[in-house]
Amino acid sequence: MKYMALIYGAPEDSPTPESEEFGPFMEAYAAASERFEKDGVLVAGEGLEDDSTATTLRVRNGKVETMDGPFAESKEQLGGFYIFECANLDEALRYAAMIPSATYGAVEVRPVSDYSDLE
């Protein structure tokens, strides 16, 4: 089953590119991604640009409405994601715990819906 690990963090709580911690932080991400690939659980994973670059879209009465910024305003922002192919939630949680941002922010793990039976 596929699980999505949504990576949240407050920018002021995470290493910034100018800090001494940033290099080791990014190396830890590279090592984690390599482990996910080696173990065959990595389906996809990407980092996201700052939430100031987000645009939220809604369609109301057939009209597209857009708003600058993320859907939810909060101190923490969605910074990236991984999608894992795992046997169960416990295995997905084990891999999510390896995501370096889990030590600074939070990682939300959710099963990805499977609509293949609807055909």
PDB file of N, CA and C in Angstrom:
ATOM      1  N   MET A   1       0.838  -1.167   0.000  1.00  0.00           N
ATOM      2  CA  MET A   1       0.000   0.000   0.000  1.00  0.00           C
ATOM      3  C   MET A   1       0.891   1.241   0.000  1.00  0.00           C
ATOM      4  N   LYS A   2       0.388   2.260  -0.664  1.00  0.00           N
ATOM      5  CA  LYS A   2       1.145   3.510  -0.697  1.00  0.00           C
ATOM      6  C   LYS A   2       0.772   4.392   0.507  1.00  0.00           C
ATOM      7  N   TYR A   3       1.804   5.049   1.038  1.00  0.00           N
ATOM      8  CA  TYR A   3       1.628   6.000   2.143  1.00  0.00           C
ATOM      9  C   TYR A   3       2.343   7.286   1.773  1.00  0.00           C
ATOM     10  N   MET A   4       1.695   8.408   2.055  1.00  0.00           N
ATOM     11  CA  MET A   4       2.334   9.697   1.838  1.00  0.00           C
ATOM     12  C   MET A   4       2.804  10.248   3.170  1.00  0.00           C
ATOM     13  N   ALA A   5       4.056  10.668   3.199  1.00  0.00           N
ATOM     14  CA  ALA A   5       4.629  11.316   4.379  1.00  0.00           C
ATOM     15  C   ALA A   5       4.734  12.799   4.062  1.00  0.00           C
ATOM     16  N   LEU A   6       3.913  13.597   4.728  1.00  0.00           N
ATOM     17  CA  LEU A   6       3.873  15.047   4.523  1.00  0.00           C
ATOM     18  C   LEU A   6       4.776  15.696   5.569  1.00  0.00           C
ATOM     19  N   ILE A   7       5.732  16.489   5.105  1.00  0.00           N
ATOM     20  CA  ILE A   7       6.764  17.044   5.979  1.00  0.00           C
ATOM     21  C   ILE A   7       6.410  18.488   6.321  1.00  0.00           C
ATOM     22  N   TYR A   8       6.197  18.738   7.611  1.00  0.00           N
ATOM     23  CA  TYR A   8       5.834  20.079   8.085  1.00  0.00           C
ATOM     24  C   TYR A   8       6.914  20.617   9.013  1.00  0.00           C
ATOM     25  N   GLY A   9       7.104  21.914   8.959  1.00  0.00           N
ATOM     26  CA  GLY A   9       8.045  22.536   9.873  1.00  0.00           C
ATOM     27  C   GLY A   9       7.900  24.038   9.853  1.00  0.00           C
ATOM     28  N   ALA A  10       8.340  24.661  10.922  1.00  0.00           N
ATOM     29  CA  ALA A  10       8.375  26.124  10.988  1.00  0.00           C
ATOM     30  C   ALA A  10       9.747  26.557  10.494  1.00  0.00           C
ATOM     31  N   PRO A  11       9.795  27.489   9.547  1.00  0.00           N
ATOM     32  CA  PRO A  11      11.091  27.880   8.978  1.00  0.00           C
ATOM     33  C   PRO A  11      12.112  28.270  10.040  1.00  0.00           C
ATOM     34  N   GLU A  12      11.677  28.931  11.105  1.00  0.00           N
ATOM     35  CA  GLU A  12      12.632  29.364  12.128  1.00  0.00           C
ATOM     36  C   GLU A  12      13.153  28.208  12.977  1.00  0.00           C
ATOM     37  N   ASP A  13      12.522  27.037  12.888  1.00  0.00           N
ATOM     38  CA  ASP A  13      12.967  25.877  13.650  1.00  0.00           C
ATOM     39  C   ASP A  13      13.862  24.943  12.855  1.00  0.00           C
ATOM     40  N   SER A  14      13.969  25.141  11.549  1.00  0.00           N
ATOM     41  CA  SER A  14      14.757  24.262  10.682  1.00  0.00           C
ATOM     42  C   SER A  14      16.071  24.942  10.308  1.00  0.00           C
ATOM     43  N   PRO A  15      17.111  24.153  10.021  1.00  0.00           N
ATOM     44  CA  PRO A  15      18.377  24.754   9.579  1.00  0.00           C
ATOM     45  C   PRO A  15      18.193  25.573   8.300  1.00  0.00           C
ATOM     46  N   THR A  16      18.765  26.750   8.282  1.00  0.00           N
ATOM     47  CA  THR A  16      18.683  27.603   7.099  1.00  0.00           C
ATOM     48  C   THR A  16      19.946  27.400   6.253  1.00  0.00           C
ATOM     49  N   PRO A  17      19.872  27.736   4.966  1.00  0.00           N
ATOM     50  CA  PRO A  17      21.050  27.534   4.102  1.00  0.00           C
ATOM     51  C   PRO A  17      22.313  28.228   4.609  1.00  0.00           C
ATOM     52  N   GLU A  18      22.191  29.261   5.411  1.00  0.00           N
ATOM     53  CA  GLU A  18      23.369  29.970   5.909  1.00  0.00           C
ATOM     54  C   GLU A  18      23.951  29.335   7.173  1.00  0.00           C
ATOM     55  N   SER A  19      23.250  28.411   7.782  1.00  0.00           N
ATOM     56  CA  SER A  19      23.680  27.868   9.072  1.00  0.00           C
ATOM     57  C   SER A  19      24.669  26.713   8.910  1.00  0.00           C
ATOM     58  N   GLU A  20      25.416  26.429   9.981  1.00  0.00           N
ATOM     59  CA  GLU A  20      26.356  25.305   9.993  1.00  0.00           C
ATOM     60  C   GLU A  20      25.617  23.970   9.914  1.00  0.00           C
ATOM     61  N   GLU A  21      24.393  23.947  10.415  1.00  0.00           N
ATOM     62  CA  GLU A  21      23.630  22.696  10.451  1.00  0.00           C
ATOM     63  C   GLU A  21      23.049  22.313   9.088  1.00  0.00           C
ATOM     64  N   PHE A  22      23.008  23.259   8.159  1.00  0.00           N
ATOM     65  CA  PHE A  22      22.314  22.999   6.888  1.00  0.00           C
ATOM     66  C   PHE A  22      22.988  21.896   6.064  1.00  0.00           C
ATOM     67  N   GLY A  23      24.304  21.933   5.963  1.00  0.00           N
ATOM     68  CA  GLY A  23      25.017  20.905   5.178  1.00  0.00           C
ATOM     69  C   GLY A  23      24.746  19.507   5.695  1.00  0.00           C
ATOM     70  N   PRO A  24      24.979  19.254   6.990  1.00  0.00           N
ATOM     71  CA  PRO A  24      24.669  17.925   7.524  1.00  0.00           C
ATOM     72  C   PRO A  24      23.181  17.554   7.402  1.00  0.00           C
ATOM     73  N   PHE A  25      22.310  18.561   7.516  1.00  0.00           N
ATOM     74  CA  PHE A  25      20.870  18.329   7.371  1.00  0.00           C
ATOM     75  C   PHE A  25      20.552  17.810   5.968  1.00  0.00           C
ATOM     76  N   MET A  26      21.110  18.457   4.949  1.00  0.00           N
ATOM     77  CA  MET A  26      20.859  18.031   3.570  1.00  0.00           C
ATOM     78  C   MET A  26      21.532  16.690   3.273  1.00  0.00           C
ATOM     79  N   GLU A  27      22.697  16.458   3.877  1.00  0.00           N
ATOM     80  CA  GLU A  27      23.354  15.150   3.721  1.00  0.00           C
ATOM     81  C   GLU A  27      22.489  14.049   4.330  1.00  0.00           C
ATOM     82  N   ALA A  28      21.843  14.355   5.449  1.00  0.00           N
ATOM     83  CA  ALA A  28      20.945  13.375   6.073  1.00  0.00           C
ATOM     84  C   ALA A  28      19.757  13.087   5.158  1.00  0.00           C
ATOM     85  N   TYR A  29      19.258  14.114   4.470  1.00  0.00           N
ATOM     86  CA  TYR A  29      18.179  13.890   3.498  1.00  0.00           C
ATOM     87  C   TYR A  29      18.650  12.994   2.354  1.00  0.00           C
ATOM     88  N   ALA A  30      19.857  13.247   1.844  1.00  0.00           N
ATOM     89  CA  ALA A  30      20.385  12.418   0.750  1.00  0.00           C
ATOM     90  C   ALA A  30      20.532  10.971   1.213  1.00  0.00           C
ATOM     91  N   ALA A  31      21.039  10.784   2.443  1.00  0.00           N
ATOM     92  CA  ALA A  31      21.212   9.426   2.972  1.00  0.00           C
ATOM     93  C   ALA A  31      19.864   8.734   3.158  1.00  0.00           C
ATOM     94  N   ALA A  32      18.869   9.468   3.663  1.00  0.00           N
ATOM     95  CA  ALA A  32      17.541   8.882   3.858  1.00  0.00           C
ATOM     96  C   ALA A  32      16.933   8.490   2.515  1.00  0.00           C
ATOM     97  N   SER A  33      17.036   9.384   1.526  1.00  0.00           N
ATOM     98  CA  SER A  33      16.472   9.084   0.202  1.00  0.00           C
ATOM     99  C   SER A  33      17.164   7.865  -0.411  1.00  0.00           C
ATOM    100  N   GLU A  34      18.484   7.783  -0.236  1.00  0.00           N
ATOM    101  CA  GLU A  34      19.232   6.622  -0.753  1.00  0.00           C
ATOM    102  C   GLU A  34      18.757   5.344  -0.076  1.00  0.00           C
ATOM    103  N   ARG A  35      18.522   5.404   1.221  1.00  0.00           N
ATOM    104  CA  ARG A  35      18.033   4.229   1.963  1.00  0.00           C
ATOM    105  C   ARG A  35      16.649   3.825   1.467  1.00  0.00           C
ATOM    106  N   PHE A  36      15.765   4.825   1.249  1.00  0.00           N
ATOM    107  CA  PHE A  36      14.414   4.523   0.772  1.00  0.00           C
ATOM    108  C   PHE A  36      14.483   3.831  -0.599  1.00  0.00           C
ATOM    109  N   GLU A  37      15.365   4.358  -1.464  1.00  0.00           N
ATOM    110  CA  GLU A  37      15.526   3.736  -2.799  1.00  0.00           C
ATOM    111  C   GLU A  37      16.094   2.335  -2.676  1.00  0.00           C
ATOM    112  N   LYS A  38      17.141   2.190  -1.874  1.00  0.00           N
ATOM    113  CA  LYS A  38      17.793   0.883  -1.709  1.00  0.00           C
ATOM    114  C   LYS A  38      16.814  -0.157  -1.174  1.00  0.00           C
ATOM    115  N   ASP A  39      15.953   0.250  -0.250  1.00  0.00           N
ATOM    116  CA  ASP A  39      14.976  -0.679   0.328  1.00  0.00           C
ATOM    117  C   ASP A  39      13.765  -0.894  -0.574  1.00  0.00           C
ATOM    118  N   GLY A  40      13.690  -0.156  -1.677  1.00  0.00           N
ATOM    119  CA  GLY A  40      12.613  -0.346  -2.643  1.00  0.00           C
ATOM    120  C   GLY A  40      11.267   0.207  -2.208  1.00  0.00           C
ATOM    121  N   VAL A  41      11.247   1.135  -1.250  1.00  0.00           N
ATOM    122  CA  VAL A  41       9.968   1.688  -0.780  1.00  0.00           C
ATOM    123  C   VAL A  41       9.670   3.069  -1.359  1.00  0.00           C
ATOM    124  N   LEU A  42      10.655   3.703  -1.992  1.00  0.00           N
ATOM    125  CA  LEU A  42      10.463   5.061  -2.490  1.00  0.00           C
ATOM    126  C   LEU A  42       9.689   5.063  -3.806  1.00  0.00           C
ATOM    127  N   VAL A  43       8.528   5.695  -3.794  1.00  0.00           N
ATOM    128  CA  VAL A  43       7.732   5.888  -5.013  1.00  0.00           C
ATOM    129  C   VAL A  43       8.026   7.270  -5.576  1.00  0.00           C
ATOM    130  N   ALA A  44       8.051   8.281  -4.697  1.00  0.00           N
ATOM    131  CA  ALA A  44       8.323   9.661  -5.104  1.00  0.00           C
ATOM    132  C   ALA A  44       8.685  10.475  -3.874  1.00  0.00           C
ATOM    133  N   GLY A  45       9.306  11.594  -4.113  1.00  0.00           N
ATOM    134  CA  GLY A  45       9.619  12.501  -3.023  1.00  0.00           C
ATOM    135  C   GLY A  45      10.176  13.791  -3.582  1.00  0.00           C
ATOM    136  N   GLU A  46       9.723  14.892  -3.035  1.00  0.00           N
ATOM    137  CA  GLU A  46      10.195  16.200  -3.481  1.00  0.00           C
ATOM    138  C   GLU A  46      10.084  17.198  -2.336  1.00  0.00           C
ATOM    139  N   GLY A  47      10.920  18.203  -2.381  1.00  0.00           N
ATOM    140  CA  GLY A  47      10.790  19.339  -1.498  1.00  0.00           C
ATOM    141  C   GLY A  47       9.951  20.401  -2.191  1.00  0.00           C
ATOM    142  N   LEU A  48       9.360  21.274  -1.418  1.00  0.00           N
ATOM    143  CA  LEU A  48       8.536  22.349  -1.970  1.00  0.00           C
ATOM    144  C   LEU A  48       9.176  23.701  -1.685  1.00  0.00           C
ATOM    145  N   GLU A  49       8.937  24.641  -2.555  1.00  0.00           N
ATOM    146  CA  GLU A  49       9.400  26.005  -2.326  1.00  0.00           C
ATOM    147  C   GLU A  49       8.635  26.597  -1.143  1.00  0.00           C
ATOM    148  N   ASP A  50       9.123  27.697  -0.641  1.00  0.00           N
ATOM    149  CA  ASP A  50       8.523  28.389   0.495  1.00  0.00           C
ATOM    150  C   ASP A  50       7.030  28.638   0.270  1.00  0.00           C
ATOM    151  N   ASP A  51       6.249  28.618   1.346  1.00  0.00           N
ATOM    152  CA  ASP A  51       4.798  28.787   1.180  1.00  0.00           C
ATOM    153  C   ASP A  51       4.404  30.173   0.657  1.00  0.00           C
ATOM    154  N   SER A  52       5.343  31.123   0.657  1.00  0.00           N
ATOM    155  CA  SER A  52       5.036  32.434   0.059  1.00  0.00           C
ATOM    156  C   SER A  52       4.875  32.336  -1.456  1.00  0.00           C
ATOM    157  N   THR A  53       5.298  31.221  -2.041  1.00  0.00           N
ATOM    158  CA  THR A  53       5.160  31.021  -3.493  1.00  0.00           C
ATOM    159  C   THR A  53       3.868  30.287  -3.849  1.00  0.00           C
ATOM    160  N   ALA A  54       3.091  29.901  -2.832  1.00  0.00           N
ATOM    161  CA  ALA A  54       1.882  29.110  -3.068  1.00  0.00           C
ATOM    162  C   ALA A  54       0.742  29.972  -3.615  1.00  0.00           C
ATOM    163  N   THR A  55      -0.093  29.346  -4.403  1.00  0.00           N
ATOM    164  CA  THR A  55      -1.343  29.938  -4.868  1.00  0.00           C
ATOM    165  C   THR A  55      -2.446  28.930  -4.585  1.00  0.00           C
ATOM    166  N   THR A  56      -3.499  29.362  -3.944  1.00  0.00           N
ATOM    167  CA  THR A  56      -4.629  28.494  -3.641  1.00  0.00           C
ATOM    168  C   THR A  56      -5.750  28.788  -4.626  1.00  0.00           C
ATOM    169  N   LEU A  57      -6.336  27.751  -5.162  1.00  0.00           N
ATOM    170  CA  LEU A  57      -7.363  27.875  -6.196  1.00  0.00           C
ATOM    171  C   LEU A  57      -8.668  27.241  -5.731  1.00  0.00           C
ATOM    172  N   ARG A  58      -9.761  27.874  -6.061  1.00  0.00           N
ATOM    173  CA  ARG A  58     -11.091  27.331  -5.816  1.00  0.00           C
ATOM    174  C   ARG A  58     -11.940  27.593  -7.060  1.00  0.00           C
ATOM    175  N   VAL A  59     -12.880  26.711  -7.328  1.00  0.00           N
ATOM    176  CA  VAL A  59     -13.850  26.947  -8.393  1.00  0.00           C
ATOM    177  C   VAL A  59     -15.216  27.067  -7.729  1.00  0.00           C
ATOM    178  N   ARG A  60     -15.829  28.233  -7.865  1.00  0.00           N
ATOM    179  CA  ARG A  60     -17.146  28.490  -7.283  1.00  0.00           C
ATOM    180  C   ARG A  60     -18.070  28.995  -8.375  1.00  0.00           C
ATOM    181  N   ASN A  61     -19.189  28.293  -8.512  1.00  0.00           N
ATOM    182  CA  ASN A  61     -20.172  28.657  -9.539  1.00  0.00           C
ATOM    183  C   ASN A  61     -19.526  28.748 -10.913  1.00  0.00           C
ATOM    184  N   GLY A  62     -18.610  27.838 -11.187  1.00  0.00           N
ATOM    185  CA  GLY A  62     -17.955  27.780 -12.486  1.00  0.00           C
ATOM    186  C   GLY A  62     -16.866  28.817 -12.690  1.00  0.00           C
ATOM    187  N   LYS A  63     -16.578  29.605 -11.679  1.00  0.00           N
ATOM    188  CA  LYS A  63     -15.570  30.652 -11.792  1.00  0.00           C
ATOM    189  C   LYS A  63     -14.341  30.286 -10.959  1.00  0.00           C
ATOM    190  N   VAL A  64     -13.169  30.419 -11.585  1.00  0.00           N
ATOM    191  CA  VAL A  64     -11.924  30.123 -10.894  1.00  0.00           C
ATOM    192  C   VAL A  64     -11.527  31.325 -10.044  1.00  0.00           C
ATOM    193  N   GLU A  65     -11.295  31.048  -8.767  1.00  0.00           N
ATOM    194  CA  GLU A  65     -10.830  32.085  -7.834  1.00  0.00           C
ATOM    195  C   GLU A  65      -9.456  31.668  -7.321  1.00  0.00           C
ATOM    196  N   THR A  66      -8.521  32.582  -7.317  1.00  0.00           N
ATOM    197  CA  THR A  66      -7.197  32.272  -6.790  1.00  0.00           C
ATOM    198  C   THR A  66      -6.860  33.237  -5.659  1.00  0.00           C
ATOM    199  N   MET A  67      -6.014  32.762  -4.778  1.00  0.00           N
ATOM    200  CA  MET A  67      -5.577  33.566  -3.635  1.00  0.00           C
ATOM    201  C   MET A  67      -4.089  33.296  -3.435  1.00  0.00           C
ATOM    202  N   ASP A  68      -3.299  34.333  -3.243  1.00  0.00           N
ATOM    203  CA  ASP A  68      -1.890  34.143  -2.946  1.00  0.00           C
ATOM    204  C   ASP A  68      -1.743  33.485  -1.581  1.00  0.00           C
ATOM    205  N   GLY A  69      -0.840  32.528  -1.487  1.00  0.00           N
ATOM    206  CA  GLY A  69      -0.553  31.897  -0.207  1.00  0.00           C
ATOM    207  C   GLY A  69      -1.092  30.494  -0.106  1.00  0.00           C
ATOM    208  N   PRO A  70      -0.734  29.836   0.993  1.00  0.00           N
ATOM    209  CA  PRO A  70      -1.154  28.445   1.189  1.00  0.00           C
ATOM    210  C   PRO A  70      -2.618  28.347   1.594  1.00  0.00           C
ATOM    211  N   PHE A  71      -3.199  27.158   1.468  1.00  0.00           N
ATOM    212  CA  PHE A  71      -4.587  26.921   1.847  1.00  0.00           C
ATOM    213  C   PHE A  71      -4.781  27.190   3.333  1.00  0.00           C
ATOM    214  N   ALA A  72      -3.890  26.671   4.151  1.00  0.00           N
ATOM    215  CA  ALA A  72      -4.012  26.827   5.602  1.00  0.00           C
ATOM    216  C   ALA A  72      -2.906  27.743   6.113  1.00  0.00           C
ATOM    217  N   GLU A  73      -3.284  28.742   6.855  1.00  0.00           N
ATOM    218  CA  GLU A  73      -2.305  29.627   7.493  1.00  0.00           C
ATOM    219  C   GLU A  73      -1.905  29.004   8.818  1.00  0.00           C
ATOM    220  N   SER A  74      -0.626  28.756   8.986  1.00  0.00           N
ATOM    221  CA  SER A  74      -0.144  28.229  10.250  1.00  0.00           C
ATOM    222  C   SER A  74       1.343  28.529  10.383  1.00  0.00           C
ATOM    223  N   LYS A  75       1.857  28.388  11.581  1.00  0.00           N
ATOM    224  CA  LYS A  75       3.280  28.596  11.819  1.00  0.00           C
ATOM    225  C   LYS A  75       4.084  27.581  11.011  1.00  0.00           C
ATOM    226  N   GLU A  76       3.640  26.326  11.028  1.00  0.00           N
ATOM    227  CA  GLU A  76       4.315  25.282  10.270  1.00  0.00           C
ATOM    228  C   GLU A  76       3.838  25.319   8.821  1.00  0.00           C
ATOM    229  N   GLN A  77       4.717  24.978   7.916  1.00  0.00           N
ATOM    230  CA  GLN A  77       4.323  24.920   6.513  1.00  0.00           C
ATOM    231  C   GLN A  77       4.717  23.581   5.917  1.00  0.00           C
ATOM    232  N   LEU A  78       3.960  23.196   4.882  1.00  0.00           N
ATOM    233  CA  LEU A  78       4.258  21.969   4.157  1.00  0.00           C
ATOM    234  C   LEU A  78       5.520  22.204   3.345  1.00  0.00           C
ATOM    235  N   GLY A  79       6.562  21.432   3.648  1.00  0.00           N
ATOM    236  CA  GLY A  79       7.847  21.646   3.000  1.00  0.00           C
ATOM    237  C   GLY A  79       8.219  20.603   1.975  1.00  0.00           C
ATOM    238  N   GLY A  80       7.516  19.488   1.969  1.00  0.00           N
ATOM    239  CA  GLY A  80       7.837  18.439   1.014  1.00  0.00           C
ATOM    240  C   GLY A  80       7.073  17.171   1.343  1.00  0.00           C
ATOM    241  N   PHE A  81       7.389  16.137   0.580  1.00  0.00           N
ATOM    242  CA  PHE A  81       6.675  14.867   0.775  1.00  0.00           C
ATOM    243  C   PHE A  81       7.510  13.706   0.266  1.00  0.00           C
ATOM    244  N   TYR A  82       7.187  12.559   0.772  1.00  0.00           N
ATOM    245  CA  TYR A  82       7.634  11.287   0.206  1.00  0.00           C
ATOM    246  C   TYR A  82       6.391  10.437   0.024  1.00  0.00           C
ATOM    247  N   ILE A  83       6.400   9.585  -0.978  1.00  0.00           N
ATOM    248  CA  ILE A  83       5.403   8.524  -1.097  1.00  0.00           C
ATOM    249  C   ILE A  83       6.161   7.208  -0.998  1.00  0.00           C
ATOM    250  N   PHE A  84       5.757   6.383  -0.047  1.00  0.00           N
ATOM    251  CA  PHE A  84       6.383   5.081   0.179  1.00  0.00           C
ATOM    252  C   PHE A  84       5.428   3.968  -0.237  1.00  0.00           C
ATOM    253  N   GLU A  85       5.983   2.888  -0.729  1.00  0.00           N
ATOM    254  CA  GLU A  85       5.220   1.650  -0.932  1.00  0.00           C
ATOM    255  C   GLU A  85       5.627   0.732   0.203  1.00  0.00           C
ATOM    256  N   CYS A  86       4.727   0.534   1.148  1.00  0.00           N
ATOM    257  CA  CYS A  86       5.050  -0.235   2.350  1.00  0.00           C
ATOM    258  C   CYS A  86       3.984  -1.302   2.592  1.00  0.00           C
ATOM    259  N   ALA A  87       4.367  -2.319   3.350  1.00  0.00           N
ATOM    260  CA  ALA A  87       3.451  -3.414   3.667  1.00  0.00           C
ATOM    261  C   ALA A  87       2.334  -2.966   4.592  1.00  0.00           C
ATOM    262  N   ASN A  88       2.642  -2.014   5.483  1.00  0.00           N
ATOM    263  CA  ASN A  88       1.638  -1.582   6.458  1.00  0.00           C
ATOM    264  C   ASN A  88       2.044  -0.235   7.058  1.00  0.00           C
ATOM    265  N   LEU A  89       1.173   0.301   7.897  1.00  0.00           N
ATOM    266  CA  LEU A  89       1.427   1.606   8.516  1.00  0.00           C
ATOM    267  C   LEU A  89       2.686   1.586   9.379  1.00  0.00           C
ATOM    268  N   ASP A  90       2.910   0.516  10.102  1.00  0.00           N
ATOM    269  CA  ASP A  90       4.099   0.444  10.962  1.00  0.00           C
ATOM    270  C   ASP A  90       5.379   0.611  10.143  1.00  0.00           C
ATOM    271  N   GLU A  91       5.423  -0.046   8.993  1.00  0.00           N
ATOM    272  CA  GLU A  91       6.608   0.080   8.141  1.00  0.00           C
ATOM    273  C   GLU A  91       6.723   1.511   7.611  1.00  0.00           C
ATOM    274  N   ALA A  92       5.602   2.104   7.194  1.00  0.00           N
ATOM    275  CA  ALA A  92       5.635   3.492   6.698  1.00  0.00           C
ATOM    276  C   ALA A  92       6.097   4.446   7.791  1.00  0.00           C
ATOM    277  N   LEU A  93       5.658   4.230   9.014  1.00  0.00           N
ATOM    278  CA  LEU A  93       6.078   5.080  10.126  1.00  0.00           C
ATOM    279  C   LEU A  93       7.573   4.927  10.410  1.00  0.00           C
ATOM    280  N   ARG A  94       8.068   3.703  10.253  1.00  0.00           N
ATOM    281  CA  ARG A  94       9.503   3.464  10.464  1.00  0.00           C
ATOM    282  C   ARG A  94      10.322   4.273   9.461  1.00  0.00           C
ATOM    283  N   TYR A  95       9.887   4.297   8.205  1.00  0.00           N
ATOM    284  CA  TYR A  95      10.614   5.079   7.193  1.00  0.00           C
ATOM    285  C   TYR A  95      10.401   6.578   7.412  1.00  0.00           C
ATOM    286  N   ALA A  96       9.216   6.971   7.788  1.00  0.00           N
ATOM    287  CA  ALA A  96       8.950   8.400   8.032  1.00  0.00           C
ATOM    288  C   ALA A  96       9.818   8.937   9.168  1.00  0.00           C
ATOM    289  N   ALA A  97      10.113   8.101  10.146  1.00  0.00           N
ATOM    290  CA  ALA A  97      10.957   8.522  11.270  1.00  0.00           C
ATOM    291  C   ALA A  97      12.385   8.804  10.817  1.00  0.00           C
ATOM    292  N   MET A  98      12.782   8.304   9.652  1.00  0.00           N
ATOM    293  CA  MET A  98      14.129   8.551   9.117  1.00  0.00           C
ATOM    294  C   MET A  98      14.236   9.892   8.400  1.00  0.00           C
ATOM    295  N   ILE A  99      13.124  10.570   8.174  1.00  0.00           N
ATOM    296  CA  ILE A  99      13.129  11.864   7.487  1.00  0.00           C
ATOM    297  C   ILE A  99      13.726  12.904   8.439  1.00  0.00           C
ATOM    298  N   PRO A 100      14.824  13.545   8.035  1.00  0.00           N
ATOM    299  CA  PRO A 100      15.512  14.466   8.951  1.00  0.00           C
ATOM    300  C   PRO A 100      14.633  15.552   9.550  1.00  0.00           C
ATOM    301  N   SER A 101      13.669  16.064   8.827  1.00  0.00           N
ATOM    302  CA  SER A 101      12.813  17.135   9.356  1.00  0.00           C
ATOM    303  C   SER A 101      11.946  16.674  10.519  1.00  0.00           C
ATOM    304  N   ALA A 102      11.828  15.375  10.726  1.00  0.00           N
ATOM    305  CA  ALA A 102      11.040  14.880  11.858  1.00  0.00           C
ATOM    306  C   ALA A 102      11.647  15.348  13.181  1.00  0.00           C
ATOM    307  N   THR A 103      12.949  15.655  13.190  1.00  0.00           N
ATOM    308  CA  THR A 103      13.593  16.117  14.423  1.00  0.00           C
ATOM    309  C   THR A 103      13.373  17.611  14.666  1.00  0.00           C
ATOM    310  N   TYR A 104      12.919  18.333  13.638  1.00  0.00           N
ATOM    311  CA  TYR A 104      12.683  19.782  13.779  1.00  0.00           C
ATOM    312  C   TYR A 104      11.200  20.128  13.747  1.00  0.00           C
ATOM    313  N   GLY A 105      10.435  19.355  12.982  1.00  0.00           N
ATOM    314  CA  GLY A 105       9.021  19.644  12.791  1.00  0.00           C
ATOM    315  C   GLY A 105       8.190  18.405  13.013  1.00  0.00           C
ATOM    316  N   ALA A 106       7.367  18.082  12.033  1.00  0.00           N
ATOM    317  CA  ALA A 106       6.493  16.910  12.148  1.00  0.00           C
ATOM    318  C   ALA A 106       6.325  16.274  10.777  1.00  0.00           C
ATOM    319  N   VAL A 107       6.078  14.996  10.783  1.00  0.00           N
ATOM    320  CA  VAL A 107       5.795  14.261   9.553  1.00  0.00           C
ATOM    321  C   VAL A 107       4.451  13.570   9.735  1.00  0.00           C
ATOM    322  N   GLU A 108       3.507  13.910   8.866  1.00  0.00           N
ATOM    323  CA  GLU A 108       2.177  13.300   8.895  1.00  0.00           C
ATOM    324  C   GLU A 108       2.163  12.177   7.868  1.00  0.00           C
ATOM    325  N   VAL A 109       1.745  11.007   8.285  1.00  0.00           N
ATOM    326  CA  VAL A 109       1.712   9.839   7.389  1.00  0.00           C
ATOM    327  C   VAL A 109       0.261   9.448   7.153  1.00  0.00           C
ATOM    328  N   ARG A 110      -0.099   9.324   5.883  1.00  0.00           N
ATOM    329  CA  ARG A 110      -1.461   8.934   5.522  1.00  0.00           C
ATOM    330  C   ARG A 110      -1.437   7.893   4.421  1.00  0.00           C
ATOM    331  N   PRO A 111      -2.340   6.907   4.485  1.00  0.00           N
ATOM    332  CA  PRO A 111      -2.473   5.985   3.366  1.00  0.00           C
ATOM    333  C   PRO A 111      -2.990   6.739   2.143  1.00  0.00           C
ATOM    334  N   VAL A 112      -2.498   6.351   0.975  1.00  0.00           N
ATOM    335  CA  VAL A 112      -2.986   6.916  -0.286  1.00  0.00           C
ATOM    336  C   VAL A 112      -4.196   6.086  -0.711  1.00  0.00           C
ATOM    337  N   SER A 113      -5.292   6.741  -1.029  1.00  0.00           N
ATOM    338  CA  SER A 113      -6.504   6.022  -1.436  1.00  0.00           C
ATOM    339  C   SER A 113      -6.252   5.222  -2.705  1.00  0.00           C
ATOM    340  N   ASP A 114      -6.870   4.056  -2.754  1.00  0.00           N
ATOM    341  CA  ASP A 114      -6.763   3.183  -3.925  1.00  0.00           C
ATOM    342  C   ASP A 114      -8.155   3.085  -4.549  1.00  0.00           C
ATOM    343  N   TYR A 115      -8.320   3.685  -5.711  1.00  0.00           N
ATOM    344  CA  TYR A 115      -9.612   3.677  -6.392  1.00  0.00           C
ATOM    345  C   TYR A 115      -9.670   2.646  -7.507  1.00  0.00           C
ATOM    346  N   SER A 116      -8.715   1.728  -7.546  1.00  0.00           N
ATOM    347  CA  SER A 116      -8.666   0.772  -8.654  1.00  0.00           C
ATOM    348  C   SER A 116      -9.866  -0.173  -8.663  1.00  0.00           C
ATOM    349  N   ASP A 117     -10.536  -0.369  -7.538  1.00  0.00           N
ATOM    350  CA  ASP A 117     -11.710  -1.246  -7.494  1.00  0.00           C
ATOM    351  C   ASP A 117     -12.965  -0.587  -8.051  1.00  0.00           C
ATOM    352  N   LEU A 118     -12.926   0.699  -8.323  1.00  0.00           N
ATOM    353  CA  LEU A 118     -14.115   1.412  -8.785  1.00  0.00           C
ATOM    354  C   LEU A 118     -14.381   1.242 -10.275  1.00  0.00           C
ATOM    355  N   GLU A 119     -13.443   0.640 -10.986  1.00  0.00           N
ATOM    356  CA  GLU A 119     -13.629   0.498 -12.444  1.00  0.00           C
ATOM    357  C   GLU A 119     -14.597  -0.594 -12.786  1.00  0.00           C
TER     358      GLU A 119
END
